[in-house]
Amino acid sequence: MTLPRITSPVTLTGRHVRLVPLDASHHDGLVDAVRDGALWNLWYTAVPTPEGMAAEIQRRLGLQAAAGMLPFTVLDADGKVAGMTTYMNIDNANQRVEIGSTWYAQRVQRSPLNTEAKRLLLAHAFEQLQCIAVEFRTHRFNQQSRRAIERLGAQLDGILRNHQRAANGTLRDTVVYSITADEWPTVRAHLDFQLARER
């Protein structure tokens, strides 16, 4: 059986969110979204500034062209741009991928949007792409992200100490989580239960 490549563009649609292939035409909507909460000011994240959005779009599209990333623009239930997310660190040979480089406008944070976006990305990875594992990585100090990843049902794999140097010169300890293919049915039931409860 020939599996689709992880970098093959796809649109994923739910009740609260729609993930569409990133396109340069999304620039203005992404600028509006990133301004909601001035997200680039969080020192432990790498969120683009409004002025840097065009370069970030081109960076992600360039990685897609090199088969290293599948970037999405995140739309809310009303079709308004709410952020970005990606499949990244793609390993087509082993069907393994990371979900990351994600940010959302403040207005949709702590809403069902993120839960459903992750549910859609995980379902596509495990059910269509036949991935053996999906990773999540974040900064050790990004407690909000760590709680959100743990709430999905991902397991802690470990911490890569002094993993990367941030733009401000500090060293990043990267916390690595994953969900494996055999865990997916239980995680899927957990996410479906959460979404049924969320308003």
N, C-alpha and C. Protein backbone atom coordinates (compact mmCIF):
# COMPACT_ATOMS: atom_id res chain seq x y z
N MET A 1 0.84 -1.19 0.00
CA MET A 1 0.00 0.00 0.00
C MET A 1 0.88 1.24 0.00
N THR A 2 0.60 2.18 -0.88
CA THR A 2 1.34 3.43 -0.94
C THR A 2 0.63 4.46 -0.08
N LEU A 3 1.36 5.01 0.88
CA LEU A 3 0.79 6.00 1.78
C LEU A 3 1.01 7.40 1.21
N PRO A 4 0.06 8.33 1.48
CA PRO A 4 0.29 9.71 1.06
C PRO A 4 1.48 10.30 1.82
N ARG A 5 2.22 11.18 1.18
CA ARG A 5 3.33 11.82 1.86
C ARG A 5 2.79 12.82 2.89
N ILE A 6 3.51 12.91 4.00
CA ILE A 6 3.08 13.80 5.08
C ILE A 6 2.98 15.24 4.58
N THR A 7 3.80 15.60 3.59
CA THR A 7 3.80 16.98 3.09
C THR A 7 2.74 17.25 2.02
N SER A 8 1.90 16.27 1.71
CA SER A 8 0.83 16.50 0.72
C SER A 8 -0.22 17.44 1.32
N PRO A 9 -0.48 18.60 0.69
CA PRO A 9 -1.44 19.56 1.25
C PRO A 9 -2.82 18.95 1.44
N VAL A 10 -3.47 19.34 2.52
CA VAL A 10 -4.79 18.83 2.85
C VAL A 10 -5.52 19.90 3.65
N THR A 11 -6.85 19.92 3.53
CA THR A 11 -7.69 20.79 4.36
C THR A 11 -8.42 19.91 5.36
N LEU A 12 -8.39 20.30 6.63
CA LEU A 12 -9.03 19.54 7.71
C LEU A 12 -10.09 20.42 8.35
N THR A 13 -11.31 19.90 8.42
CA THR A 13 -12.45 20.72 8.85
C THR A 13 -13.19 20.07 10.01
N GLY A 14 -13.47 20.89 11.03
CA GLY A 14 -14.28 20.46 12.16
C GLY A 14 -15.39 21.46 12.42
N ARG A 15 -16.02 21.38 13.58
CA ARG A 15 -17.10 22.32 13.93
C ARG A 15 -16.56 23.67 14.37
N HIS A 16 -15.41 23.65 15.08
CA HIS A 16 -14.86 24.86 15.68
C HIS A 16 -13.68 25.45 14.90
N VAL A 17 -13.13 24.67 13.96
CA VAL A 17 -11.90 25.09 13.32
C VAL A 17 -11.78 24.49 11.93
N ARG A 18 -11.06 25.20 11.08
CA ARG A 18 -10.72 24.69 9.75
C ARG A 18 -9.24 24.96 9.52
N LEU A 19 -8.50 23.92 9.16
CA LEU A 19 -7.08 24.05 8.87
C LEU A 19 -6.90 23.98 7.36
N VAL A 20 -6.37 25.06 6.79
CA VAL A 20 -6.20 25.13 5.33
C VAL A 20 -4.72 25.31 5.02
N PRO A 21 -4.28 24.85 3.85
CA PRO A 21 -2.87 25.03 3.49
C PRO A 21 -2.48 26.51 3.54
N LEU A 22 -1.36 26.80 4.19
CA LEU A 22 -0.87 28.17 4.28
C LEU A 22 -0.64 28.73 2.89
N ASP A 23 -1.02 30.00 2.71
CA ASP A 23 -0.84 30.69 1.44
C ASP A 23 -0.45 32.14 1.73
N ALA A 24 0.32 32.73 0.85
CA ALA A 24 0.74 34.12 1.03
C ALA A 24 -0.45 35.07 1.15
N SER A 25 -1.58 34.71 0.56
CA SER A 25 -2.77 35.56 0.62
C SER A 25 -3.35 35.67 2.03
N HIS A 26 -2.89 34.82 2.96
CA HIS A 26 -3.39 34.85 4.34
C HIS A 26 -2.66 35.90 5.18
N HIS A 27 -1.69 36.59 4.58
CA HIS A 27 -0.82 37.49 5.33
C HIS A 27 -1.57 38.47 6.23
N ASP A 28 -2.52 39.22 5.66
CA ASP A 28 -3.18 40.28 6.44
C ASP A 28 -3.98 39.70 7.60
N GLY A 29 -4.66 38.59 7.36
CA GLY A 29 -5.41 37.94 8.43
C GLY A 29 -4.50 37.44 9.54
N LEU A 30 -3.33 36.91 9.16
CA LEU A 30 -2.38 36.43 10.16
C LEU A 30 -1.80 37.59 10.96
N VAL A 31 -1.56 38.73 10.31
CA VAL A 31 -1.08 39.91 11.03
C VAL A 31 -2.12 40.36 12.06
N ASP A 32 -3.39 40.41 11.66
CA ASP A 32 -4.45 40.78 12.60
C ASP A 32 -4.50 39.80 13.77
N ALA A 33 -4.36 38.51 13.47
CA ALA A 33 -4.44 37.49 14.52
C ALA A 33 -3.28 37.60 15.50
N VAL A 34 -2.07 37.83 15.00
CA VAL A 34 -0.91 37.87 15.90
C VAL A 34 -0.92 39.14 16.75
N ARG A 35 -1.56 40.18 16.26
CA ARG A 35 -1.68 41.42 17.05
C ARG A 35 -2.63 41.24 18.23
N ASP A 36 -3.52 40.28 18.14
CA ASP A 36 -4.48 40.00 19.23
C ASP A 36 -3.73 39.30 20.36
N GLY A 37 -3.23 40.08 21.29
CA GLY A 37 -2.47 39.54 22.41
C GLY A 37 -0.98 39.82 22.31
N ALA A 38 -0.54 40.48 21.23
CA ALA A 38 0.89 40.79 21.04
C ALA A 38 1.74 39.57 21.37
N LEU A 39 1.43 38.46 20.70
CA LEU A 39 1.99 37.16 21.06
C LEU A 39 3.50 37.08 20.91
N TRP A 40 4.08 37.90 20.06
CA TRP A 40 5.53 37.85 19.83
C TRP A 40 6.31 38.32 21.06
N ASN A 41 5.65 38.93 22.04
CA ASN A 41 6.35 39.43 23.23
C ASN A 41 6.64 38.34 24.26
N LEU A 42 6.10 37.15 24.09
CA LEU A 42 6.40 36.06 25.02
C LEU A 42 7.81 35.56 24.72
N TRP A 43 8.73 35.76 25.62
CA TRP A 43 10.15 35.51 25.35
C TRP A 43 10.46 34.04 25.08
N TYR A 44 9.64 33.12 25.59
CA TYR A 44 9.93 31.69 25.46
C TYR A 44 9.23 31.06 24.26
N THR A 45 8.68 31.87 23.37
CA THR A 45 8.07 31.35 22.14
C THR A 45 8.73 32.01 20.93
N ALA A 46 8.45 31.47 19.76
CA ALA A 46 8.98 32.04 18.51
C ALA A 46 7.81 32.40 17.60
N VAL A 47 7.01 33.36 18.05
CA VAL A 47 5.84 33.81 17.30
C VAL A 47 6.26 35.00 16.43
N PRO A 48 5.87 35.02 15.15
CA PRO A 48 6.30 36.12 14.27
C PRO A 48 5.69 37.46 14.69
N THR A 49 6.43 38.52 14.47
CA THR A 49 5.91 39.87 14.65
C THR A 49 5.05 40.23 13.45
N PRO A 50 4.20 41.25 13.58
CA PRO A 50 3.44 41.67 12.40
C PRO A 50 4.34 42.01 11.22
N GLU A 51 5.47 42.69 11.51
CA GLU A 51 6.40 43.09 10.45
C GLU A 51 7.13 41.89 9.85
N GLY A 52 7.26 40.83 10.62
CA GLY A 52 7.98 39.64 10.16
C GLY A 52 7.10 38.56 9.57
N MET A 53 5.78 38.83 9.47
CA MET A 53 4.85 37.78 9.04
C MET A 53 5.12 37.31 7.61
N ALA A 54 5.38 38.23 6.70
CA ALA A 54 5.62 37.82 5.31
C ALA A 54 6.83 36.90 5.22
N ALA A 55 7.89 37.22 5.97
CA ALA A 55 9.08 36.37 5.97
C ALA A 55 8.79 35.02 6.59
N GLU A 56 7.95 35.00 7.63
CA GLU A 56 7.61 33.71 8.26
C GLU A 56 6.78 32.84 7.33
N ILE A 57 5.86 33.45 6.61
CA ILE A 57 5.08 32.69 5.63
C ILE A 57 6.01 32.08 4.59
N GLN A 58 6.93 32.87 4.07
CA GLN A 58 7.86 32.37 3.06
C GLN A 58 8.78 31.29 3.63
N ARG A 59 9.19 31.45 4.91
CA ARG A 59 10.03 30.43 5.54
C ARG A 59 9.30 29.09 5.60
N ARG A 60 8.05 29.14 6.03
CA ARG A 60 7.27 27.90 6.16
C ARG A 60 6.99 27.28 4.79
N LEU A 61 6.66 28.11 3.82
CA LEU A 61 6.41 27.58 2.48
C LEU A 61 7.69 27.01 1.86
N GLY A 62 8.83 27.63 2.16
CA GLY A 62 10.10 27.10 1.69
C GLY A 62 10.41 25.74 2.28
N LEU A 63 10.12 25.57 3.58
CA LEU A 63 10.30 24.26 4.22
C LEU A 63 9.35 23.22 3.63
N GLN A 64 8.13 23.66 3.29
CA GLN A 64 7.20 22.73 2.63
C GLN A 64 7.76 22.29 1.29
N ALA A 65 8.30 23.22 0.51
CA ALA A 65 8.87 22.88 -0.80
C ALA A 65 10.03 21.92 -0.67
N ALA A 66 10.74 21.99 0.47
CA ALA A 66 11.88 21.09 0.72
C ALA A 66 11.45 19.82 1.44
N ALA A 67 10.13 19.59 1.55
CA ALA A 67 9.56 18.38 2.18
C ALA A 67 9.89 18.29 3.66
N GLY A 68 10.06 19.46 4.32
CA GLY A 68 10.36 19.44 5.74
C GLY A 68 9.23 19.93 6.62
N MET A 69 8.14 20.41 6.03
CA MET A 69 7.04 20.98 6.82
C MET A 69 5.77 20.98 5.99
N LEU A 70 4.63 20.85 6.67
CA LEU A 70 3.32 21.08 6.04
C LEU A 70 2.61 22.13 6.88
N PRO A 71 2.64 23.40 6.43
CA PRO A 71 2.07 24.49 7.23
C PRO A 71 0.59 24.72 6.93
N PHE A 72 -0.12 25.10 7.99
CA PHE A 72 -1.55 25.39 7.89
C PHE A 72 -1.83 26.80 8.42
N THR A 73 -2.84 27.44 7.85
CA THR A 73 -3.47 28.60 8.46
C THR A 73 -4.70 28.09 9.20
N VAL A 74 -4.88 28.56 10.42
CA VAL A 74 -5.99 28.13 11.27
C VAL A 74 -7.11 29.15 11.16
N LEU A 75 -8.30 28.69 10.79
CA LEU A 75 -9.49 29.53 10.70
C LEU A 75 -10.46 29.14 11.80
N ASP A 76 -11.13 30.11 12.40
CA ASP A 76 -12.13 29.79 13.42
C ASP A 76 -13.45 29.39 12.75
N ALA A 77 -14.47 29.15 13.57
CA ALA A 77 -15.76 28.67 13.05
C ALA A 77 -16.41 29.66 12.09
N ASP A 78 -16.06 30.94 12.22
CA ASP A 78 -16.61 31.98 11.34
C ASP A 78 -15.76 32.21 10.10
N GLY A 79 -14.67 31.43 9.96
CA GLY A 79 -13.80 31.57 8.81
C GLY A 79 -12.76 32.67 8.95
N LYS A 80 -12.63 33.24 10.15
CA LYS A 80 -11.64 34.30 10.39
C LYS A 80 -10.30 33.68 10.77
N VAL A 81 -9.22 34.23 10.25
CA VAL A 81 -7.88 33.70 10.55
C VAL A 81 -7.61 33.82 12.04
N ALA A 82 -7.17 32.70 12.65
CA ALA A 82 -6.94 32.65 14.09
C ALA A 82 -5.52 32.27 14.46
N GLY A 83 -4.69 31.85 13.48
CA GLY A 83 -3.32 31.48 13.82
C GLY A 83 -2.69 30.57 12.79
N MET A 84 -1.62 29.89 13.22
CA MET A 84 -0.86 28.98 12.35
C MET A 84 -0.53 27.71 13.12
N THR A 85 -0.35 26.62 12.38
CA THR A 85 0.16 25.38 12.95
C THR A 85 0.83 24.60 11.83
N THR A 86 1.59 23.56 12.17
CA THR A 86 2.28 22.78 11.14
C THR A 86 2.45 21.33 11.55
N TYR A 87 2.66 20.49 10.53
CA TYR A 87 3.40 19.24 10.69
C TYR A 87 4.85 19.60 10.40
N MET A 88 5.77 19.25 11.27
CA MET A 88 7.17 19.60 11.07
C MET A 88 8.07 18.45 11.51
N ASN A 89 9.39 18.63 11.31
CA ASN A 89 10.34 17.55 11.59
C ASN A 89 9.82 16.24 11.00
N ILE A 90 9.46 16.31 9.74
CA ILE A 90 8.79 15.21 9.06
C ILE A 90 9.77 14.10 8.71
N ASP A 91 9.39 12.89 9.04
CA ASP A 91 10.18 11.68 8.71
C ASP A 91 9.26 10.77 7.91
N ASN A 92 9.23 10.98 6.56
CA ASN A 92 8.36 10.16 5.71
C ASN A 92 8.75 8.69 5.72
N ALA A 93 10.03 8.39 5.85
CA ALA A 93 10.48 6.99 5.83
C ALA A 93 9.89 6.21 6.99
N ASN A 94 9.82 6.83 8.16
CA ASN A 94 9.30 6.15 9.35
C ASN A 94 7.88 6.57 9.71
N GLN A 95 7.30 7.48 8.87
CA GLN A 95 5.93 7.97 9.12
C GLN A 95 5.82 8.50 10.55
N ARG A 96 6.68 9.45 10.84
CA ARG A 96 6.71 10.09 12.15
C ARG A 96 6.73 11.59 11.93
N VAL A 97 6.06 12.37 12.81
CA VAL A 97 5.92 13.80 12.58
C VAL A 97 5.75 14.51 13.91
N GLU A 98 6.08 15.78 13.91
CA GLU A 98 5.81 16.65 15.06
C GLU A 98 4.73 17.65 14.68
N ILE A 99 3.81 17.92 15.59
CA ILE A 99 2.85 19.02 15.44
C ILE A 99 3.42 20.18 16.24
N GLY A 100 3.69 21.30 15.55
CA GLY A 100 4.32 22.41 16.26
C GLY A 100 4.28 23.71 15.50
N SER A 101 5.13 24.66 15.94
CA SER A 101 5.12 26.02 15.40
C SER A 101 3.70 26.57 15.37
N THR A 102 3.00 26.33 16.48
CA THR A 102 1.59 26.70 16.60
C THR A 102 1.43 27.96 17.43
N TRP A 103 0.62 28.87 16.96
CA TRP A 103 0.22 30.02 17.78
C TRP A 103 -1.21 30.40 17.39
N TYR A 104 -1.94 30.96 18.37
CA TYR A 104 -3.33 31.36 18.16
C TYR A 104 -3.56 32.77 18.70
N ALA A 105 -4.45 33.51 18.04
CA ALA A 105 -4.90 34.79 18.56
C ALA A 105 -5.46 34.60 19.97
N GLN A 106 -5.25 35.60 20.79
CA GLN A 106 -5.70 35.49 22.18
C GLN A 106 -7.19 35.19 22.29
N ARG A 107 -7.99 35.69 21.34
CA ARG A 107 -9.45 35.53 21.42
C ARG A 107 -9.91 34.08 21.34
N VAL A 108 -9.08 33.18 20.77
CA VAL A 108 -9.49 31.78 20.66
C VAL A 108 -8.74 30.87 21.63
N GLN A 109 -7.82 31.43 22.40
CA GLN A 109 -7.10 30.61 23.37
C GLN A 109 -8.07 30.14 24.46
N ARG A 110 -7.86 28.92 24.95
CA ARG A 110 -8.71 28.29 25.96
C ARG A 110 -10.15 28.10 25.46
N SER A 111 -10.26 27.90 24.14
CA SER A 111 -11.56 27.59 23.54
C SER A 111 -11.45 26.20 22.93
N PRO A 112 -12.57 25.63 22.44
CA PRO A 112 -12.50 24.31 21.81
C PRO A 112 -11.65 24.27 20.54
N LEU A 113 -11.28 25.42 19.99
CA LEU A 113 -10.54 25.47 18.73
C LEU A 113 -9.26 24.65 18.78
N ASN A 114 -8.44 24.83 19.80
CA ASN A 114 -7.17 24.11 19.85
C ASN A 114 -7.38 22.61 20.01
N THR A 115 -8.30 22.23 20.88
CA THR A 115 -8.56 20.81 21.08
C THR A 115 -8.97 20.15 19.77
N GLU A 116 -9.88 20.81 19.04
CA GLU A 116 -10.34 20.22 17.78
C GLU A 116 -9.26 20.26 16.70
N ALA A 117 -8.46 21.32 16.68
CA ALA A 117 -7.36 21.38 15.70
C ALA A 117 -6.41 20.21 15.92
N LYS A 118 -6.05 19.95 17.16
CA LYS A 118 -5.15 18.83 17.46
C LYS A 118 -5.83 17.50 17.14
N ARG A 119 -7.12 17.40 17.42
CA ARG A 119 -7.88 16.18 17.11
C ARG A 119 -7.84 15.90 15.60
N LEU A 120 -8.01 16.94 14.79
CA LEU A 120 -7.99 16.78 13.34
C LEU A 120 -6.59 16.39 12.85
N LEU A 121 -5.56 17.07 13.36
CA LEU A 121 -4.19 16.78 12.94
C LEU A 121 -3.76 15.38 13.35
N LEU A 122 -4.12 14.98 14.56
CA LEU A 122 -3.77 13.64 15.04
C LEU A 122 -4.51 12.56 14.24
N ALA A 123 -5.79 12.78 13.99
CA ALA A 123 -6.56 11.79 13.22
C ALA A 123 -5.98 11.62 11.81
N HIS A 124 -5.62 12.73 11.17
CA HIS A 124 -5.03 12.63 9.83
C HIS A 124 -3.69 11.89 9.89
N ALA A 125 -2.89 12.22 10.89
CA ALA A 125 -1.57 11.59 11.01
C ALA A 125 -1.68 10.09 11.23
N PHE A 126 -2.55 9.67 12.13
CA PHE A 126 -2.64 8.26 12.47
C PHE A 126 -3.53 7.46 11.51
N GLU A 127 -4.61 8.04 11.05
CA GLU A 127 -5.60 7.28 10.28
C GLU A 127 -5.39 7.35 8.77
N GLN A 128 -4.88 8.47 8.26
CA GLN A 128 -4.62 8.56 6.82
C GLN A 128 -3.15 8.34 6.49
N LEU A 129 -2.26 8.93 7.30
CA LEU A 129 -0.82 8.84 7.01
C LEU A 129 -0.17 7.62 7.66
N GLN A 130 -0.90 6.95 8.54
CA GLN A 130 -0.39 5.75 9.23
C GLN A 130 0.91 6.04 9.99
N CYS A 131 0.96 7.19 10.65
CA CYS A 131 2.13 7.53 11.45
C CYS A 131 2.27 6.58 12.64
N ILE A 132 3.51 6.33 13.01
CA ILE A 132 3.77 5.46 14.17
C ILE A 132 3.80 6.27 15.47
N ALA A 133 4.06 7.57 15.36
CA ALA A 133 4.08 8.45 16.53
C ALA A 133 3.97 9.89 16.08
N VAL A 134 3.40 10.72 16.94
CA VAL A 134 3.32 12.16 16.72
C VAL A 134 3.92 12.84 17.93
N GLU A 135 4.86 13.75 17.69
CA GLU A 135 5.55 14.46 18.77
C GLU A 135 5.00 15.86 18.95
N PHE A 136 5.21 16.38 20.17
CA PHE A 136 4.96 17.78 20.50
C PHE A 136 6.18 18.25 21.29
N ARG A 137 6.65 19.44 21.00
CA ARG A 137 7.81 20.00 21.71
C ARG A 137 7.50 21.42 22.13
N THR A 138 8.02 21.81 23.29
CA THR A 138 7.83 23.18 23.76
C THR A 138 8.96 23.56 24.70
N HIS A 139 9.06 24.84 24.98
CA HIS A 139 10.05 25.37 25.91
C HIS A 139 9.70 24.93 27.33
N ARG A 140 10.71 24.60 28.11
CA ARG A 140 10.47 24.17 29.50
C ARG A 140 9.68 25.22 30.28
N PHE A 141 9.85 26.49 29.99
CA PHE A 141 9.16 27.54 30.73
C PHE A 141 7.77 27.86 30.18
N ASN A 142 7.38 27.26 29.06
CA ASN A 142 6.07 27.54 28.49
C ASN A 142 5.02 26.64 29.16
N GLN A 143 4.64 27.03 30.37
CA GLN A 143 3.72 26.20 31.16
C GLN A 143 2.34 26.08 30.50
N GLN A 144 1.88 27.14 29.85
CA GLN A 144 0.57 27.07 29.18
C GLN A 144 0.58 26.01 28.08
N SER A 145 1.65 25.99 27.29
CA SER A 145 1.77 24.99 26.22
C SER A 145 1.91 23.59 26.81
N ARG A 146 2.71 23.44 27.85
CA ARG A 146 2.89 22.12 28.46
C ARG A 146 1.57 21.57 28.99
N ARG A 147 0.79 22.42 29.65
CA ARG A 147 -0.51 21.96 30.17
C ARG A 147 -1.44 21.56 29.02
N ALA A 148 -1.42 22.34 27.93
CA ALA A 148 -2.29 22.04 26.79
C ALA A 148 -1.89 20.71 26.15
N ILE A 149 -0.59 20.46 26.02
CA ILE A 149 -0.12 19.20 25.43
C ILE A 149 -0.50 18.02 26.32
N GLU A 150 -0.30 18.17 27.62
CA GLU A 150 -0.65 17.09 28.57
C GLU A 150 -2.15 16.84 28.57
N ARG A 151 -2.92 17.92 28.41
CA ARG A 151 -4.38 17.78 28.39
C ARG A 151 -4.85 16.96 27.17
N LEU A 152 -4.07 16.99 26.10
CA LEU A 152 -4.40 16.18 24.92
C LEU A 152 -4.27 14.69 25.21
N GLY A 153 -3.40 14.34 26.17
CA GLY A 153 -3.14 12.93 26.45
C GLY A 153 -1.77 12.48 26.01
N ALA A 154 -0.91 13.43 25.59
CA ALA A 154 0.46 13.09 25.19
C ALA A 154 1.28 12.72 26.43
N GLN A 155 2.24 11.83 26.23
CA GLN A 155 3.11 11.37 27.31
C GLN A 155 4.46 12.09 27.22
N LEU A 156 5.02 12.38 28.39
CA LEU A 156 6.33 13.03 28.44
C LEU A 156 7.42 12.03 28.08
N ASP A 157 8.20 12.37 27.03
CA ASP A 157 9.34 11.54 26.65
C ASP A 157 10.61 11.96 27.38
N GLY A 158 10.76 13.26 27.62
CA GLY A 158 11.95 13.75 28.31
C GLY A 158 12.22 15.20 27.98
N ILE A 159 13.36 15.71 28.48
CA ILE A 159 13.76 17.09 28.27
C ILE A 159 15.13 17.10 27.61
N LEU A 160 15.22 17.80 26.48
CA LEU A 160 16.50 18.01 25.80
C LEU A 160 17.11 19.28 26.37
N ARG A 161 18.11 19.14 27.23
CA ARG A 161 18.68 20.29 27.91
C ARG A 161 19.66 21.04 27.01
N ASN A 162 19.61 22.39 27.11
CA ASN A 162 20.41 23.25 26.23
C ASN A 162 20.25 22.83 24.77
N HIS A 163 19.00 22.63 24.37
CA HIS A 163 18.71 22.08 23.04
C HIS A 163 18.93 23.09 21.93
N GLN A 164 18.55 24.36 22.19
CA GLN A 164 18.65 25.38 21.15
C GLN A 164 18.96 26.73 21.78
N ARG A 165 19.51 27.62 20.96
CA ARG A 165 19.72 29.00 21.42
C ARG A 165 18.59 29.87 20.86
N ALA A 166 17.92 30.59 21.75
CA ALA A 166 16.80 31.44 21.34
C ALA A 166 17.31 32.74 20.74
N ALA A 167 16.41 33.48 20.11
CA ALA A 167 16.78 34.74 19.47
C ALA A 167 17.35 35.74 20.47
N ASN A 168 16.92 35.66 21.75
CA ASN A 168 17.42 36.59 22.76
C ASN A 168 18.72 36.11 23.40
N GLY A 169 19.26 34.99 22.89
CA GLY A 169 20.54 34.49 23.39
C GLY A 169 20.45 33.45 24.49
N THR A 170 19.26 33.27 25.05
CA THR A 170 19.11 32.28 26.11
C THR A 170 19.11 30.87 25.53
N LEU A 171 19.44 29.90 26.38
CA LEU A 171 19.42 28.50 25.97
C LEU A 171 18.08 27.89 26.32
N ARG A 172 17.53 27.16 25.37
CA ARG A 172 16.21 26.54 25.55
C ARG A 172 16.35 25.08 25.93
N ASP A 173 15.69 24.71 27.03
CA ASP A 173 15.47 23.31 27.35
C ASP A 173 14.15 22.92 26.68
N THR A 174 14.18 21.94 25.80
CA THR A 174 12.99 21.54 25.04
C THR A 174 12.34 20.32 25.68
N VAL A 175 11.07 20.45 26.03
CA VAL A 175 10.30 19.35 26.60
C VAL A 175 9.64 18.60 25.45
N VAL A 176 9.86 17.28 25.40
CA VAL A 176 9.37 16.45 24.29
C VAL A 176 8.27 15.52 24.79
N TYR A 177 7.14 15.55 24.12
CA TYR A 177 6.00 14.67 24.39
C TYR A 177 5.69 13.88 23.12
N SER A 178 4.95 12.79 23.27
CA SER A 178 4.48 12.08 22.08
C SER A 178 3.22 11.30 22.37
N ILE A 179 2.53 10.98 21.29
CA ILE A 179 1.41 10.04 21.28
C ILE A 179 1.79 8.98 20.26
N THR A 180 1.69 7.71 20.62
CA THR A 180 2.03 6.63 19.70
C THR A 180 0.77 6.07 19.05
N ALA A 181 0.95 5.35 17.97
CA ALA A 181 -0.19 4.82 17.21
C ALA A 181 -1.08 3.93 18.08
N ASP A 182 -0.47 3.13 18.95
CA ASP A 182 -1.29 2.24 19.77
C ASP A 182 -2.05 3.00 20.85
N GLU A 183 -1.60 4.21 21.20
CA GLU A 183 -2.31 5.04 22.18
C GLU A 183 -3.44 5.85 21.54
N TRP A 184 -3.41 6.00 20.22
CA TRP A 184 -4.34 6.90 19.55
C TRP A 184 -5.81 6.57 19.82
N PRO A 185 -6.29 5.32 19.78
CA PRO A 185 -7.72 5.11 20.04
C PRO A 185 -8.19 5.65 21.39
N THR A 186 -7.36 5.49 22.43
CA THR A 186 -7.72 6.00 23.75
C THR A 186 -7.66 7.52 23.77
N VAL A 187 -6.62 8.10 23.17
CA VAL A 187 -6.51 9.55 23.11
C VAL A 187 -7.66 10.14 22.30
N ARG A 188 -8.03 9.49 21.20
CA ARG A 188 -9.16 9.96 20.39
C ARG A 188 -10.45 9.99 21.20
N ALA A 189 -10.71 8.95 21.97
CA ALA A 189 -11.91 8.91 22.81
C ALA A 189 -11.87 10.03 23.86
N HIS A 190 -10.68 10.28 24.40
CA HIS A 190 -10.49 11.35 25.39
C HIS A 190 -10.78 12.71 24.77
N LEU A 191 -10.25 12.97 23.57
CA LEU A 191 -10.48 14.25 22.91
C LEU A 191 -11.94 14.43 22.51
N ASP A 192 -12.56 13.37 22.03
CA ASP A 192 -13.98 13.44 21.65
C ASP A 192 -14.83 13.75 22.89
N PHE A 193 -14.47 13.17 24.04
CA PHE A 193 -15.19 13.46 25.28
C PHE A 193 -15.00 14.92 25.68
N GLN A 194 -13.78 15.42 25.57
CA GLN A 194 -13.54 16.84 25.89
C GLN A 194 -14.34 17.75 24.99
N LEU A 195 -14.32 17.45 23.69
CA LEU A 195 -15.04 18.32 22.75
C LEU A 195 -16.55 18.29 22.97
N ALA A 196 -17.07 17.15 23.39
CA ALA A 196 -18.51 17.05 23.66
C ALA A 196 -18.89 17.89 24.88
N ARG A 197 -17.94 18.10 25.79
CA ARG A 197 -18.21 18.87 27.01
C ARG A 197 -17.96 20.35 26.83
N GLU A 198 -17.07 20.74 25.89
CA GLU A 198 -16.68 22.13 25.75
C GLU A 198 -17.78 22.94 25.05
N ARG A 199 -17.95 24.14 25.54
CA ARG A 199 -18.95 25.02 24.97
C ARG A 199 -18.28 26.17 24.24
